[in-house]
Amino acid sequence: MKKDGYSRPGFFGTINHYDASGKKIGESRPGFCGGMNNYDANGHKVGHSSPGFFGGMNHYDNNGHKNRIQQSRSVWRC
């Protein structure tokens, strides 16, 4: 199985993202109200993530368009 990339925690709550060869391709910094601001390797903002209303995370590009929804598993299962 091929490893496409990985992420590691940085300083002050940041998360650094790397490609398969170990080159830094971006980072995520803590944002407002539990969200994360996403930046490319040059430091340009490329999007943000915000907590969803009923859990999970909503991911947006730099123009404010929703990319995807990441749902968390509910502890209230029947």
Protein backbone atom coordinates (compact mmCIF):
# COMPACT_ATOMS: atom_id res chain seq x y z
CA MET A 1 0.00 0.00 0.00
CA LYS A 2 1.33 3.41 -1.01
CA LYS A 3 1.59 6.24 1.51
CA ASP A 4 0.22 9.42 -0.11
CA GLY A 5 1.12 11.86 2.66
CA TYR A 6 0.82 12.53 6.34
CA SER A 7 0.20 15.24 8.91
CA ARG A 8 2.01 16.05 12.15
CA PRO A 9 1.23 18.42 15.01
CA GLY A 10 3.24 21.64 15.08
CA PHE A 11 3.62 24.48 17.56
CA PHE A 12 0.70 26.39 19.11
CA GLY A 13 -1.97 23.97 17.84
CA THR A 14 -0.97 23.94 14.17
CA ILE A 15 -0.97 20.80 12.00
CA ASN A 16 1.71 20.50 9.29
CA HIS A 17 0.86 18.50 6.14
CA TYR A 18 3.53 16.65 4.10
CA ASP A 19 3.56 14.70 0.83
CA ALA A 20 4.90 11.14 0.49
CA SER A 21 8.50 12.36 0.04
CA GLY A 22 8.41 14.49 3.21
CA LYS A 23 8.05 17.91 1.55
CA LYS A 24 5.76 20.32 3.42
CA ILE A 25 2.66 21.02 1.32
CA GLY A 26 0.61 23.08 3.79
CA GLU A 27 -0.56 23.66 7.31
CA SER A 28 -3.72 24.16 9.32
CA ARG A 29 -3.92 26.77 12.07
CA PRO A 30 -6.57 27.07 14.78
CA GLY A 31 -9.32 29.48 13.86
CA PHE A 32 -12.31 31.06 15.52
CA CYS A 33 -14.84 28.95 17.51
CA GLY A 34 -13.04 25.61 17.11
CA GLY A 35 -12.41 25.81 13.36
CA MET A 36 -9.17 25.53 11.40
CA ASN A 37 -7.75 27.83 8.70
CA ASN A 38 -5.90 25.94 5.93
CA TYR A 39 -2.81 27.34 4.17
CA ASP A 40 -0.61 26.09 1.31
CA ALA A 41 3.19 25.75 1.51
CA ASN A 42 3.65 29.42 0.56
CA GLY A 43 1.41 30.66 3.39
CA HIS A 44 -1.59 31.56 1.22
CA LYS A 45 -5.00 30.74 2.72
CA VAL A 46 -6.77 28.02 0.73
CA GLY A 47 -9.83 27.35 2.91
CA HIS A 48 -11.22 26.72 6.38
CA SER A 49 -13.09 24.11 8.40
CA SER A 50 -15.85 24.81 10.91
CA PRO A 51 -17.65 22.57 13.41
CA GLY A 52 -21.06 21.39 12.24
CA PHE A 53 -24.30 22.04 14.11
CA PHE A 54 -24.85 18.40 15.18
CA GLY A 55 -21.19 17.35 15.23
CA GLY A 56 -18.78 16.69 12.38
CA MET A 57 -16.89 19.32 10.39
CA ASN A 58 -17.84 21.44 7.37
CA HIS A 59 -14.97 22.16 4.95
CA TYR A 60 -14.95 25.28 2.74
CA ASP A 61 -12.63 26.59 0.00
CA ASN A 62 -11.22 30.13 0.07
CA ASN A 63 -14.33 31.47 -1.73
CA GLY A 64 -16.70 30.12 0.93
CA HIS A 65 -18.03 27.20 -1.14
CA LYS A 66 -18.62 24.01 0.84
CA ASN A 67 -16.28 21.19 -0.26
CA ARG A 68 -17.46 18.33 1.91
CA ILE A 69 -19.03 17.37 5.23
CA GLN A 70 -17.19 15.08 7.62
CA GLN A 71 -19.66 13.38 9.95
CA SER A 72 -18.69 12.11 13.35
CA ARG A 73 -20.14 8.89 14.70
CA SER A 74 -23.00 9.32 17.07
CA VAL A 75 -22.90 7.78 20.52
CA TRP A 76 -26.71 7.53 20.45
CA ARG A 77 -27.15 4.30 18.47
CA CYS A 78 -30.21 2.05 18.71
